[in-house]
N, C-alpha and C. Protein backbone atom coordinates (compact mmCIF):
# COMPACT_ATOMS: atom_id res chain seq x y z
N UNK A 1 -114.42 -34.44 23.32
CA UNK A 1 -114.72 -33.15 22.72
C UNK A 1 -114.23 -32.01 23.60
N UNK A 2 -114.37 -32.14 24.92
CA UNK A 2 -113.95 -31.08 25.81
C UNK A 2 -112.45 -30.84 25.69
N UNK A 3 -111.65 -31.90 25.54
CA UNK A 3 -110.20 -31.75 25.37
C UNK A 3 -109.88 -30.97 24.10
N UNK A 4 -110.56 -31.31 23.01
CA UNK A 4 -110.34 -30.61 21.74
C UNK A 4 -110.70 -29.14 21.86
N UNK A 5 -111.81 -28.86 22.52
CA UNK A 5 -112.26 -27.50 22.72
C UNK A 5 -111.22 -26.73 23.54
N UNK A 6 -110.69 -27.37 24.58
CA UNK A 6 -109.67 -26.75 25.42
C UNK A 6 -108.39 -26.46 24.64
N UNK A 7 -107.96 -27.42 23.80
CA UNK A 7 -106.76 -27.23 22.98
C UNK A 7 -106.94 -26.07 22.01
N UNK A 8 -108.13 -25.99 21.39
CA UNK A 8 -108.39 -24.88 20.48
C UNK A 8 -108.37 -23.55 21.23
N UNK A 9 -108.88 -23.55 22.46
CA UNK A 9 -108.87 -22.33 23.27
C UNK A 9 -107.45 -21.89 23.60
N UNK A 10 -106.56 -22.85 23.90
CA UNK A 10 -105.16 -22.53 24.17
C UNK A 10 -104.48 -21.99 22.91
N UNK A 11 -104.76 -22.61 21.79
CA UNK A 11 -104.19 -22.17 20.52
C UNK A 11 -104.70 -20.77 20.16
N UNK A 12 -105.96 -20.51 20.45
CA UNK A 12 -106.56 -19.20 20.19
C UNK A 12 -105.80 -18.11 20.95
N UNK A 13 -105.50 -18.36 22.22
CA UNK A 13 -104.76 -17.38 23.03
C UNK A 13 -103.36 -17.17 22.46
N UNK A 14 -102.71 -18.27 22.07
CA UNK A 14 -101.35 -18.16 21.53
C UNK A 14 -101.33 -17.35 20.23
N UNK A 15 -102.36 -17.51 19.39
CA UNK A 15 -102.38 -16.83 18.10
C UNK A 15 -102.89 -15.40 18.17
N UNK A 16 -103.80 -15.12 19.13
CA UNK A 16 -104.44 -13.80 19.14
C UNK A 16 -104.11 -12.97 20.37
N UNK A 17 -103.57 -13.61 21.42
CA UNK A 17 -103.30 -12.89 22.65
C UNK A 17 -104.52 -12.76 23.55
N UNK A 18 -105.67 -13.27 23.10
CA UNK A 18 -106.89 -13.23 23.88
C UNK A 18 -107.40 -14.66 24.06
N UNK A 19 -107.88 -14.95 25.28
CA UNK A 19 -108.46 -16.25 25.56
C UNK A 19 -109.91 -16.35 25.13
N UNK A 20 -110.44 -17.55 25.19
CA UNK A 20 -111.82 -17.79 24.76
C UNK A 20 -112.80 -16.91 25.53
N UNK A 21 -112.63 -16.78 26.84
CA UNK A 21 -113.55 -15.95 27.62
C UNK A 21 -113.57 -14.50 27.12
N UNK A 22 -112.39 -13.98 26.77
CA UNK A 22 -112.32 -12.61 26.26
C UNK A 22 -113.00 -12.51 24.90
N UNK A 23 -112.82 -13.53 24.05
CA UNK A 23 -113.47 -13.53 22.73
C UNK A 23 -114.99 -13.65 22.86
N UNK A 24 -115.45 -14.40 23.86
CA UNK A 24 -116.89 -14.51 24.08
C UNK A 24 -117.48 -13.14 24.39
N UNK A 25 -116.79 -12.37 25.22
CA UNK A 25 -117.24 -11.01 25.55
C UNK A 25 -117.29 -10.17 24.27
N UNK A 26 -116.26 -10.27 23.45
CA UNK A 26 -116.21 -9.53 22.18
C UNK A 26 -117.38 -9.92 21.28
N UNK A 27 -117.62 -11.23 21.18
CA UNK A 27 -118.70 -11.71 20.31
C UNK A 27 -120.06 -11.21 20.79
N UNK A 28 -120.30 -11.32 22.09
CA UNK A 28 -121.59 -10.88 22.63
C UNK A 28 -121.77 -9.37 22.50
N UNK A 29 -120.68 -8.63 22.62
CA UNK A 29 -120.75 -7.16 22.52
C UNK A 29 -121.08 -6.69 21.11
N UNK A 30 -120.84 -7.55 20.11
CA UNK A 30 -121.13 -7.17 18.72
C UNK A 30 -122.61 -6.97 18.48
N UNK A 31 -123.46 -7.63 19.29
CA UNK A 31 -124.91 -7.46 19.15
C UNK A 31 -125.48 -8.08 17.89
N UNK A 32 -124.80 -9.08 17.35
CA UNK A 32 -125.25 -9.75 16.12
C UNK A 32 -125.90 -11.07 16.52
N UNK A 33 -127.15 -11.28 16.11
CA UNK A 33 -127.91 -12.45 16.56
C UNK A 33 -127.63 -13.72 15.77
N UNK A 34 -127.55 -13.67 14.48
CA UNK A 34 -127.41 -14.88 13.67
C UNK A 34 -126.03 -15.52 13.80
N UNK A 35 -126.01 -16.85 13.88
CA UNK A 35 -124.75 -17.58 14.06
C UNK A 35 -123.74 -17.23 12.97
N UNK A 36 -124.10 -17.45 11.71
CA UNK A 36 -123.14 -17.21 10.63
C UNK A 36 -122.82 -15.74 10.46
N UNK A 37 -123.77 -14.87 10.74
CA UNK A 37 -123.50 -13.44 10.66
C UNK A 37 -122.44 -13.04 11.67
N UNK A 38 -122.52 -13.62 12.87
CA UNK A 38 -121.52 -13.32 13.89
C UNK A 38 -120.18 -13.97 13.55
N UNK A 39 -120.20 -15.19 13.03
CA UNK A 39 -118.95 -15.84 12.58
C UNK A 39 -118.28 -14.95 11.53
N UNK A 40 -119.03 -14.52 10.54
CA UNK A 40 -118.47 -13.68 9.48
C UNK A 40 -117.95 -12.36 10.01
N UNK A 41 -118.65 -11.79 10.99
CA UNK A 41 -118.18 -10.55 11.61
C UNK A 41 -116.82 -10.77 12.29
N UNK A 42 -116.69 -11.82 13.06
CA UNK A 42 -115.43 -12.10 13.76
C UNK A 42 -114.30 -12.33 12.76
N UNK A 43 -114.62 -12.98 11.66
CA UNK A 43 -113.60 -13.23 10.63
C UNK A 43 -113.17 -11.92 9.97
N UNK A 44 -114.12 -11.10 9.59
CA UNK A 44 -113.77 -9.88 8.86
C UNK A 44 -113.25 -8.77 9.77
N UNK A 45 -113.86 -8.57 10.92
CA UNK A 45 -113.47 -7.47 11.80
C UNK A 45 -112.23 -7.78 12.64
N UNK A 46 -111.99 -9.08 12.89
CA UNK A 46 -110.90 -9.44 13.80
C UNK A 46 -109.87 -10.37 13.17
N UNK A 47 -110.06 -10.73 11.91
CA UNK A 47 -109.08 -11.55 11.21
C UNK A 47 -108.99 -12.99 11.68
N UNK A 48 -110.05 -13.49 12.31
CA UNK A 48 -110.05 -14.87 12.78
C UNK A 48 -110.34 -15.84 11.65
N UNK A 49 -109.81 -17.05 11.75
CA UNK A 49 -110.15 -18.11 10.82
C UNK A 49 -111.54 -18.64 11.13
N UNK A 50 -112.11 -19.39 10.20
CA UNK A 50 -113.48 -19.90 10.38
C UNK A 50 -113.62 -20.77 11.62
N UNK A 51 -112.67 -21.67 11.83
CA UNK A 51 -112.75 -22.59 12.97
C UNK A 51 -112.80 -21.86 14.30
N UNK A 52 -111.91 -20.89 14.48
CA UNK A 52 -111.90 -20.12 15.72
C UNK A 52 -113.17 -19.30 15.88
N UNK A 53 -113.58 -18.62 14.82
CA UNK A 53 -114.78 -17.79 14.89
C UNK A 53 -116.01 -18.65 15.22
N UNK A 54 -116.12 -19.80 14.59
CA UNK A 54 -117.23 -20.71 14.84
C UNK A 54 -117.23 -21.20 16.28
N UNK A 55 -116.05 -21.56 16.79
CA UNK A 55 -115.94 -22.02 18.17
C UNK A 55 -116.38 -20.91 19.14
N UNK A 56 -115.93 -19.70 18.89
CA UNK A 56 -116.28 -18.57 19.76
C UNK A 56 -117.79 -18.35 19.78
N UNK A 57 -118.41 -18.37 18.60
CA UNK A 57 -119.86 -18.15 18.53
C UNK A 57 -120.62 -19.26 19.23
N UNK A 58 -120.19 -20.51 19.03
CA UNK A 58 -120.84 -21.62 19.76
C UNK A 58 -120.71 -21.42 21.26
N UNK A 59 -119.52 -21.06 21.71
CA UNK A 59 -119.31 -20.86 23.15
C UNK A 59 -120.13 -19.67 23.66
N UNK A 60 -120.18 -18.60 22.88
CA UNK A 60 -120.94 -17.41 23.29
C UNK A 60 -122.43 -17.71 23.38
N UNK A 61 -122.91 -18.59 22.52
CA UNK A 61 -124.33 -18.94 22.51
C UNK A 61 -124.63 -20.21 23.28
N UNK A 62 -123.61 -20.80 23.92
CA UNK A 62 -123.76 -22.06 24.66
C UNK A 62 -124.41 -23.13 23.80
N UNK A 63 -123.99 -23.21 22.52
CA UNK A 63 -124.60 -24.17 21.60
C UNK A 63 -123.62 -25.25 21.16
N UNK A 64 -122.43 -25.26 21.71
CA UNK A 64 -121.43 -26.23 21.26
C UNK A 64 -121.59 -27.56 21.97
N UNK A 65 -120.98 -28.57 21.40
CA UNK A 65 -120.98 -29.89 22.00
C UNK A 65 -120.23 -29.85 23.33
N UNK A 66 -119.32 -28.90 23.51
CA UNK A 66 -118.59 -28.80 24.77
C UNK A 66 -119.51 -28.34 25.90
N UNK A 67 -120.62 -27.70 25.55
CA UNK A 67 -121.51 -27.19 26.59
C UNK A 67 -122.75 -28.06 26.77
N UNK A 68 -122.86 -29.14 26.03
CA UNK A 68 -124.03 -30.01 26.13
C UNK A 68 -123.58 -31.46 26.12
N UNK A 69 -124.43 -32.33 26.56
CA UNK A 69 -124.14 -33.75 26.57
C UNK A 69 -124.22 -34.30 25.15
N UNK A 70 -123.16 -35.01 24.71
CA UNK A 70 -123.11 -35.54 23.34
C UNK A 70 -124.29 -36.43 23.02
N UNK A 71 -124.67 -37.34 23.93
CA UNK A 71 -125.79 -38.24 23.66
C UNK A 71 -127.09 -37.46 23.48
N UNK A 72 -127.25 -36.41 24.26
CA UNK A 72 -128.47 -35.59 24.13
C UNK A 72 -128.51 -34.89 22.79
N UNK A 73 -127.35 -34.42 22.31
CA UNK A 73 -127.30 -33.75 21.00
C UNK A 73 -127.66 -34.73 19.88
N UNK A 74 -127.11 -35.94 19.93
CA UNK A 74 -127.42 -36.94 18.90
C UNK A 74 -128.89 -37.32 18.98
N UNK A 75 -129.38 -37.58 20.16
CA UNK A 75 -130.80 -37.95 20.32
C UNK A 75 -131.72 -36.86 19.78
N UNK A 76 -131.39 -35.62 20.07
CA UNK A 76 -132.23 -34.51 19.62
C UNK A 76 -132.26 -34.41 18.09
N UNK A 77 -131.16 -34.76 17.45
CA UNK A 77 -131.10 -34.69 15.98
C UNK A 77 -132.05 -35.70 15.33
N UNK A 78 -132.37 -36.77 16.07
CA UNK A 78 -133.20 -37.84 15.51
C UNK A 78 -134.58 -37.93 16.17
N UNK A 79 -135.06 -36.81 16.67
CA UNK A 79 -136.38 -36.79 17.29
C UNK A 79 -137.47 -36.64 16.23
N UNK A 80 -138.65 -37.06 16.59
CA UNK A 80 -139.82 -36.84 15.78
C UNK A 80 -139.75 -37.42 14.38
N UNK A 81 -140.03 -36.59 13.38
CA UNK A 81 -140.13 -37.04 11.99
C UNK A 81 -138.80 -37.53 11.43
N UNK A 82 -137.67 -37.22 12.08
CA UNK A 82 -136.36 -37.66 11.59
C UNK A 82 -135.88 -38.95 12.26
N UNK A 83 -136.69 -39.54 13.13
CA UNK A 83 -136.29 -40.73 13.89
C UNK A 83 -135.93 -41.91 12.98
N UNK A 84 -136.58 -42.02 11.83
CA UNK A 84 -136.33 -43.15 10.93
C UNK A 84 -134.93 -43.11 10.32
N UNK A 85 -134.21 -41.98 10.44
CA UNK A 85 -132.84 -41.87 9.91
C UNK A 85 -131.80 -42.46 10.87
N UNK A 86 -132.17 -42.75 12.11
CA UNK A 86 -131.17 -43.21 13.09
C UNK A 86 -130.46 -44.51 12.66
N UNK A 87 -131.16 -45.51 12.10
CA UNK A 87 -130.43 -46.71 11.68
C UNK A 87 -129.37 -46.42 10.60
N UNK A 88 -129.66 -45.53 9.66
CA UNK A 88 -128.67 -45.17 8.65
C UNK A 88 -127.48 -44.50 9.33
N UNK A 89 -127.74 -43.57 10.21
CA UNK A 89 -126.67 -42.91 10.96
C UNK A 89 -125.80 -43.95 11.69
N UNK A 90 -126.45 -44.88 12.40
CA UNK A 90 -125.70 -45.89 13.15
C UNK A 90 -124.83 -46.75 12.22
N UNK A 91 -125.36 -47.12 11.04
CA UNK A 91 -124.57 -47.90 10.08
C UNK A 91 -123.37 -47.11 9.56
N UNK A 92 -123.59 -45.84 9.26
CA UNK A 92 -122.49 -45.01 8.75
C UNK A 92 -121.42 -44.80 9.81
N UNK A 93 -121.82 -44.59 11.05
CA UNK A 93 -120.84 -44.44 12.14
C UNK A 93 -120.04 -45.73 12.31
N UNK A 94 -120.72 -46.87 12.29
CA UNK A 94 -120.02 -48.16 12.42
C UNK A 94 -119.03 -48.35 11.28
N UNK A 95 -119.44 -48.00 10.06
CA UNK A 95 -118.56 -48.11 8.90
C UNK A 95 -117.31 -47.26 9.07
N UNK A 96 -117.50 -46.00 9.42
CA UNK A 96 -116.38 -45.06 9.55
C UNK A 96 -115.45 -45.49 10.69
N UNK A 97 -116.00 -46.02 11.76
CA UNK A 97 -115.15 -46.45 12.88
C UNK A 97 -114.28 -47.65 12.50
N UNK A 98 -114.67 -48.38 11.47
CA UNK A 98 -113.83 -49.49 10.97
C UNK A 98 -112.60 -48.97 10.23
N UNK A 99 -112.61 -47.71 9.80
CA UNK A 99 -111.46 -47.15 9.09
C UNK A 99 -110.24 -47.05 9.99
N UNK A 100 -110.46 -46.81 11.28
CA UNK A 100 -109.35 -46.69 12.21
C UNK A 100 -109.83 -46.26 13.58
N UNK A 101 -108.99 -46.48 14.58
CA UNK A 101 -109.34 -46.14 15.95
C UNK A 101 -109.24 -44.67 16.27
N UNK A 102 -108.88 -43.85 15.29
CA UNK A 102 -108.71 -42.42 15.54
C UNK A 102 -109.92 -41.58 15.12
N UNK A 103 -111.02 -42.22 14.78
CA UNK A 103 -112.23 -41.48 14.39
C UNK A 103 -112.88 -40.92 15.64
N UNK A 104 -113.17 -39.65 15.60
CA UNK A 104 -113.83 -38.97 16.72
C UNK A 104 -115.18 -38.45 16.25
N UNK A 105 -116.21 -38.71 17.03
CA UNK A 105 -117.54 -38.18 16.76
C UNK A 105 -117.70 -36.90 17.58
N UNK A 106 -118.08 -35.83 16.93
CA UNK A 106 -118.27 -34.54 17.60
C UNK A 106 -119.67 -34.03 17.30
N UNK A 107 -120.65 -34.45 18.10
CA UNK A 107 -122.03 -34.01 17.87
C UNK A 107 -122.18 -32.50 18.02
N UNK A 108 -122.93 -31.94 17.12
CA UNK A 108 -123.30 -30.53 17.15
C UNK A 108 -124.82 -30.47 17.20
N UNK A 109 -125.34 -29.29 17.24
CA UNK A 109 -126.79 -29.15 17.23
C UNK A 109 -127.28 -29.41 15.80
N UNK A 110 -127.89 -30.57 15.57
CA UNK A 110 -128.45 -30.89 14.26
C UNK A 110 -127.63 -31.82 13.39
N UNK A 111 -126.34 -32.03 13.71
CA UNK A 111 -125.53 -32.94 12.91
C UNK A 111 -124.37 -33.46 13.75
N UNK A 112 -123.66 -34.45 13.21
CA UNK A 112 -122.49 -35.00 13.89
C UNK A 112 -121.30 -34.85 12.97
N UNK A 113 -120.27 -34.20 13.49
CA UNK A 113 -119.02 -34.02 12.77
C UNK A 113 -118.15 -35.27 12.98
N UNK A 114 -117.55 -35.76 11.90
CA UNK A 114 -116.63 -36.89 11.98
C UNK A 114 -115.23 -36.33 11.79
N UNK A 115 -114.37 -36.61 12.78
CA UNK A 115 -113.03 -36.01 12.78
C UNK A 115 -111.97 -37.09 12.87
N UNK A 116 -110.83 -36.74 12.36
CA UNK A 116 -109.61 -37.50 12.53
C UNK A 116 -108.62 -36.50 13.09
N UNK A 117 -107.65 -36.05 12.34
CA UNK A 117 -106.85 -34.91 12.77
C UNK A 117 -107.62 -33.62 12.50
N UNK A 118 -108.55 -33.70 11.57
CA UNK A 118 -109.45 -32.58 11.25
C UNK A 118 -110.76 -33.19 10.78
N UNK A 119 -111.78 -32.35 10.65
CA UNK A 119 -113.07 -32.85 10.20
C UNK A 119 -112.96 -33.38 8.79
N UNK A 120 -113.49 -34.57 8.57
CA UNK A 120 -113.49 -35.12 7.22
C UNK A 120 -114.89 -35.38 6.70
N UNK A 121 -115.89 -35.38 7.57
CA UNK A 121 -117.26 -35.63 7.12
C UNK A 121 -118.24 -35.16 8.18
N UNK A 122 -119.50 -35.11 7.79
CA UNK A 122 -120.57 -34.86 8.75
C UNK A 122 -121.80 -35.61 8.32
N UNK A 123 -122.60 -35.98 9.30
CA UNK A 123 -123.84 -36.73 9.08
C UNK A 123 -124.99 -35.90 9.64
N UNK A 124 -126.00 -35.65 8.80
CA UNK A 124 -127.07 -34.75 9.20
C UNK A 124 -128.43 -35.24 8.72
N UNK A 125 -129.31 -35.57 9.66
CA UNK A 125 -130.70 -35.86 9.28
C UNK A 125 -131.42 -34.53 9.06
N UNK A 126 -131.36 -34.03 7.84
CA UNK A 126 -131.81 -32.67 7.55
C UNK A 126 -133.32 -32.47 7.67
N UNK A 127 -134.07 -33.40 7.09
CA UNK A 127 -135.53 -33.32 7.13
C UNK A 127 -136.07 -34.73 7.25
N UNK A 128 -137.37 -34.87 7.32
CA UNK A 128 -137.94 -36.21 7.37
C UNK A 128 -137.72 -36.94 6.04
N UNK A 129 -137.48 -36.18 4.98
CA UNK A 129 -137.32 -36.78 3.65
C UNK A 129 -135.89 -36.82 3.14
N UNK A 130 -134.93 -36.23 3.89
CA UNK A 130 -133.56 -36.18 3.37
C UNK A 130 -132.52 -36.27 4.48
N UNK A 131 -131.51 -37.12 4.23
CA UNK A 131 -130.34 -37.25 5.10
C UNK A 131 -129.16 -36.77 4.28
N UNK A 132 -128.38 -35.85 4.83
CA UNK A 132 -127.23 -35.30 4.12
C UNK A 132 -125.94 -35.82 4.71
N UNK A 133 -125.02 -36.16 3.84
CA UNK A 133 -123.68 -36.57 4.22
C UNK A 133 -122.72 -35.58 3.59
N UNK A 134 -121.97 -34.90 4.42
CA UNK A 134 -120.97 -33.97 3.92
C UNK A 134 -119.60 -34.62 3.98
N UNK A 135 -118.79 -34.43 2.95
CA UNK A 135 -117.44 -34.99 2.93
C UNK A 135 -116.44 -33.91 2.49
N UNK A 136 -115.25 -33.96 3.07
CA UNK A 136 -114.18 -33.03 2.73
C UNK A 136 -113.32 -33.68 1.65
N UNK A 137 -113.64 -33.39 0.40
CA UNK A 137 -112.92 -33.94 -0.75
C UNK A 137 -112.59 -32.81 -1.73
N UNK A 138 -111.99 -31.76 -1.20
CA UNK A 138 -111.67 -30.60 -2.02
C UNK A 138 -110.91 -31.02 -3.28
N UNK A 139 -111.34 -30.50 -4.42
CA UNK A 139 -110.71 -30.81 -5.70
C UNK A 139 -111.33 -31.99 -6.42
N UNK A 140 -112.16 -32.75 -5.75
CA UNK A 140 -112.82 -33.91 -6.36
C UNK A 140 -113.97 -33.44 -7.25
N UNK A 141 -114.05 -33.98 -8.44
CA UNK A 141 -115.14 -33.61 -9.35
C UNK A 141 -116.45 -34.24 -8.89
N UNK A 142 -117.56 -33.51 -8.98
CA UNK A 142 -118.85 -34.11 -8.64
C UNK A 142 -119.11 -35.32 -9.53
N UNK A 143 -119.72 -36.34 -8.96
CA UNK A 143 -120.03 -37.56 -9.72
C UNK A 143 -121.19 -38.27 -9.05
N UNK A 144 -122.17 -38.70 -9.84
CA UNK A 144 -123.31 -39.41 -9.27
C UNK A 144 -124.00 -38.55 -8.24
N UNK A 145 -124.16 -39.09 -7.04
CA UNK A 145 -124.80 -38.35 -5.95
C UNK A 145 -123.86 -37.36 -5.27
N UNK A 146 -122.57 -37.42 -5.57
CA UNK A 146 -121.60 -36.51 -4.96
C UNK A 146 -121.68 -35.16 -5.66
N UNK A 147 -122.16 -34.15 -4.93
CA UNK A 147 -122.31 -32.81 -5.49
C UNK A 147 -121.46 -31.83 -4.67
N UNK A 148 -121.15 -30.70 -5.25
CA UNK A 148 -120.44 -29.67 -4.50
C UNK A 148 -121.35 -29.15 -3.39
N UNK A 149 -120.79 -28.92 -2.22
CA UNK A 149 -121.59 -28.49 -1.08
C UNK A 149 -122.08 -27.05 -1.23
N UNK A 150 -121.34 -26.24 -1.97
CA UNK A 150 -121.75 -24.85 -2.13
C UNK A 150 -121.85 -24.16 -0.79
N UNK A 151 -122.95 -23.48 -0.56
CA UNK A 151 -123.13 -22.76 0.71
C UNK A 151 -123.81 -23.62 1.77
N UNK A 152 -124.01 -24.90 1.50
CA UNK A 152 -124.71 -25.77 2.46
C UNK A 152 -123.97 -25.85 3.78
N UNK A 153 -122.67 -26.14 3.77
CA UNK A 153 -121.88 -26.21 5.00
C UNK A 153 -120.43 -25.92 4.64
N UNK A 154 -119.88 -24.89 5.23
CA UNK A 154 -118.52 -24.45 4.89
C UNK A 154 -117.44 -25.41 5.38
N UNK A 155 -117.79 -26.37 6.22
CA UNK A 155 -116.79 -27.28 6.78
C UNK A 155 -116.51 -28.49 5.88
N UNK A 156 -117.27 -28.64 4.82
CA UNK A 156 -117.07 -29.74 3.87
C UNK A 156 -117.14 -29.20 2.45
N UNK A 157 -116.56 -29.94 1.50
CA UNK A 157 -116.56 -29.48 0.11
C UNK A 157 -117.69 -30.09 -0.71
N UNK A 158 -118.18 -31.26 -0.30
CA UNK A 158 -119.19 -31.98 -1.08
C UNK A 158 -120.32 -32.47 -0.18
N UNK A 159 -121.45 -32.75 -0.83
CA UNK A 159 -122.61 -33.29 -0.12
C UNK A 159 -123.21 -34.42 -0.93
N UNK A 160 -123.74 -35.40 -0.20
CA UNK A 160 -124.51 -36.49 -0.79
C UNK A 160 -125.89 -36.44 -0.12
N UNK A 161 -126.92 -36.35 -0.93
CA UNK A 161 -128.30 -36.33 -0.42
C UNK A 161 -128.89 -37.72 -0.54
N UNK A 162 -129.39 -38.23 0.58
CA UNK A 162 -130.06 -39.53 0.59
C UNK A 162 -131.54 -39.26 0.85
N UNK A 163 -132.37 -39.68 -0.08
CA UNK A 163 -133.81 -39.48 0.07
C UNK A 163 -134.41 -40.60 0.90
N UNK A 164 -135.55 -40.33 1.51
CA UNK A 164 -136.25 -41.34 2.31
C UNK A 164 -136.48 -42.58 1.45
N UNK A 165 -136.21 -43.73 2.01
CA UNK A 165 -136.39 -44.98 1.30
C UNK A 165 -135.16 -45.43 0.53
N UNK A 166 -134.15 -44.59 0.40
CA UNK A 166 -132.91 -44.94 -0.29
C UNK A 166 -131.87 -45.43 0.72
N UNK A 167 -130.91 -46.18 0.23
CA UNK A 167 -129.76 -46.57 1.03
C UNK A 167 -128.57 -45.74 0.60
N UNK A 168 -127.55 -45.68 1.43
CA UNK A 168 -126.38 -44.87 1.13
C UNK A 168 -125.58 -45.43 -0.04
N UNK A 169 -125.37 -46.74 -0.09
CA UNK A 169 -124.65 -47.35 -1.21
C UNK A 169 -123.15 -47.36 -1.03
N UNK A 170 -122.49 -48.20 -1.84
CA UNK A 170 -121.05 -48.38 -1.78
C UNK A 170 -120.25 -47.16 -2.16
N UNK A 171 -120.79 -46.33 -3.05
CA UNK A 171 -120.06 -45.12 -3.43
C UNK A 171 -119.92 -44.17 -2.24
N UNK A 172 -120.92 -44.12 -1.36
CA UNK A 172 -120.85 -43.29 -0.17
C UNK A 172 -119.73 -43.79 0.74
N UNK A 173 -119.64 -45.10 0.90
CA UNK A 173 -118.56 -45.68 1.71
C UNK A 173 -117.20 -45.30 1.13
N UNK A 174 -117.08 -45.33 -0.19
CA UNK A 174 -115.81 -44.97 -0.84
C UNK A 174 -115.47 -43.50 -0.61
N UNK A 175 -116.46 -42.61 -0.72
CA UNK A 175 -116.22 -41.18 -0.51
C UNK A 175 -115.84 -40.90 0.95
N UNK A 176 -116.53 -41.56 1.89
CA UNK A 176 -116.19 -41.39 3.30
C UNK A 176 -114.77 -41.87 3.57
N UNK A 177 -114.40 -43.01 2.97
CA UNK A 177 -113.04 -43.54 3.16
C UNK A 177 -112.00 -42.58 2.58
N UNK A 178 -112.25 -42.05 1.41
CA UNK A 178 -111.32 -41.13 0.78
C UNK A 178 -111.15 -39.87 1.64
N UNK A 179 -112.25 -39.35 2.19
CA UNK A 179 -112.19 -38.17 3.05
C UNK A 179 -111.42 -38.49 4.33
N UNK A 180 -111.65 -39.66 4.89
CA UNK A 180 -110.91 -40.10 6.09
C UNK A 180 -109.42 -40.16 5.79
N UNK A 181 -109.06 -40.78 4.68
CA UNK A 181 -107.64 -40.91 4.32
C UNK A 181 -106.97 -39.56 4.16
N UNK A 182 -107.68 -38.60 3.57
CA UNK A 182 -107.11 -37.26 3.36
C UNK A 182 -106.94 -36.50 4.67
N UNK A 183 -107.74 -36.84 5.67
CA UNK A 183 -107.68 -36.13 6.95
C UNK A 183 -106.54 -36.62 7.83
N UNK A 184 -105.83 -37.64 7.40
CA UNK A 184 -104.75 -38.22 8.22
C UNK A 184 -103.48 -37.55 7.99
């Protein structure tokens, strides 16, 4: 994850003329507390894309996976009432890793991003009663449990909600595979 963060920082300087440290100063100077509010400000006021703006806000708030231990982030996501979701998470990670050796896990605060050349899915133990799976399947029609993500998470186009006591099922494996294939 640190290498990816560093590459994005280099690309940010090449595209904007300012490095990550300079953008962090800009973000903090805005005086905007909410994560998405600050992301949206950087996008509208400075013309940044979502990925860059999100990275800057995470770095400014020291909330990114680059600033924390990945294992600690994953463990924290499954603490307390959400602990029962860990076996499902472990099964889904094992499944996705069978797709190819290029799958990268990028833990964030509260969820884990699944990446190939770009993010193709995310796994999130949202509540004690619901586990959410986000997949990047832009243009795919909703079907069964596959619903449009709407405003849930801008990094994916669709979401699958798994209720407590349910299993993910073969259709989830198919959607994850399709998202993985598109990310290549």
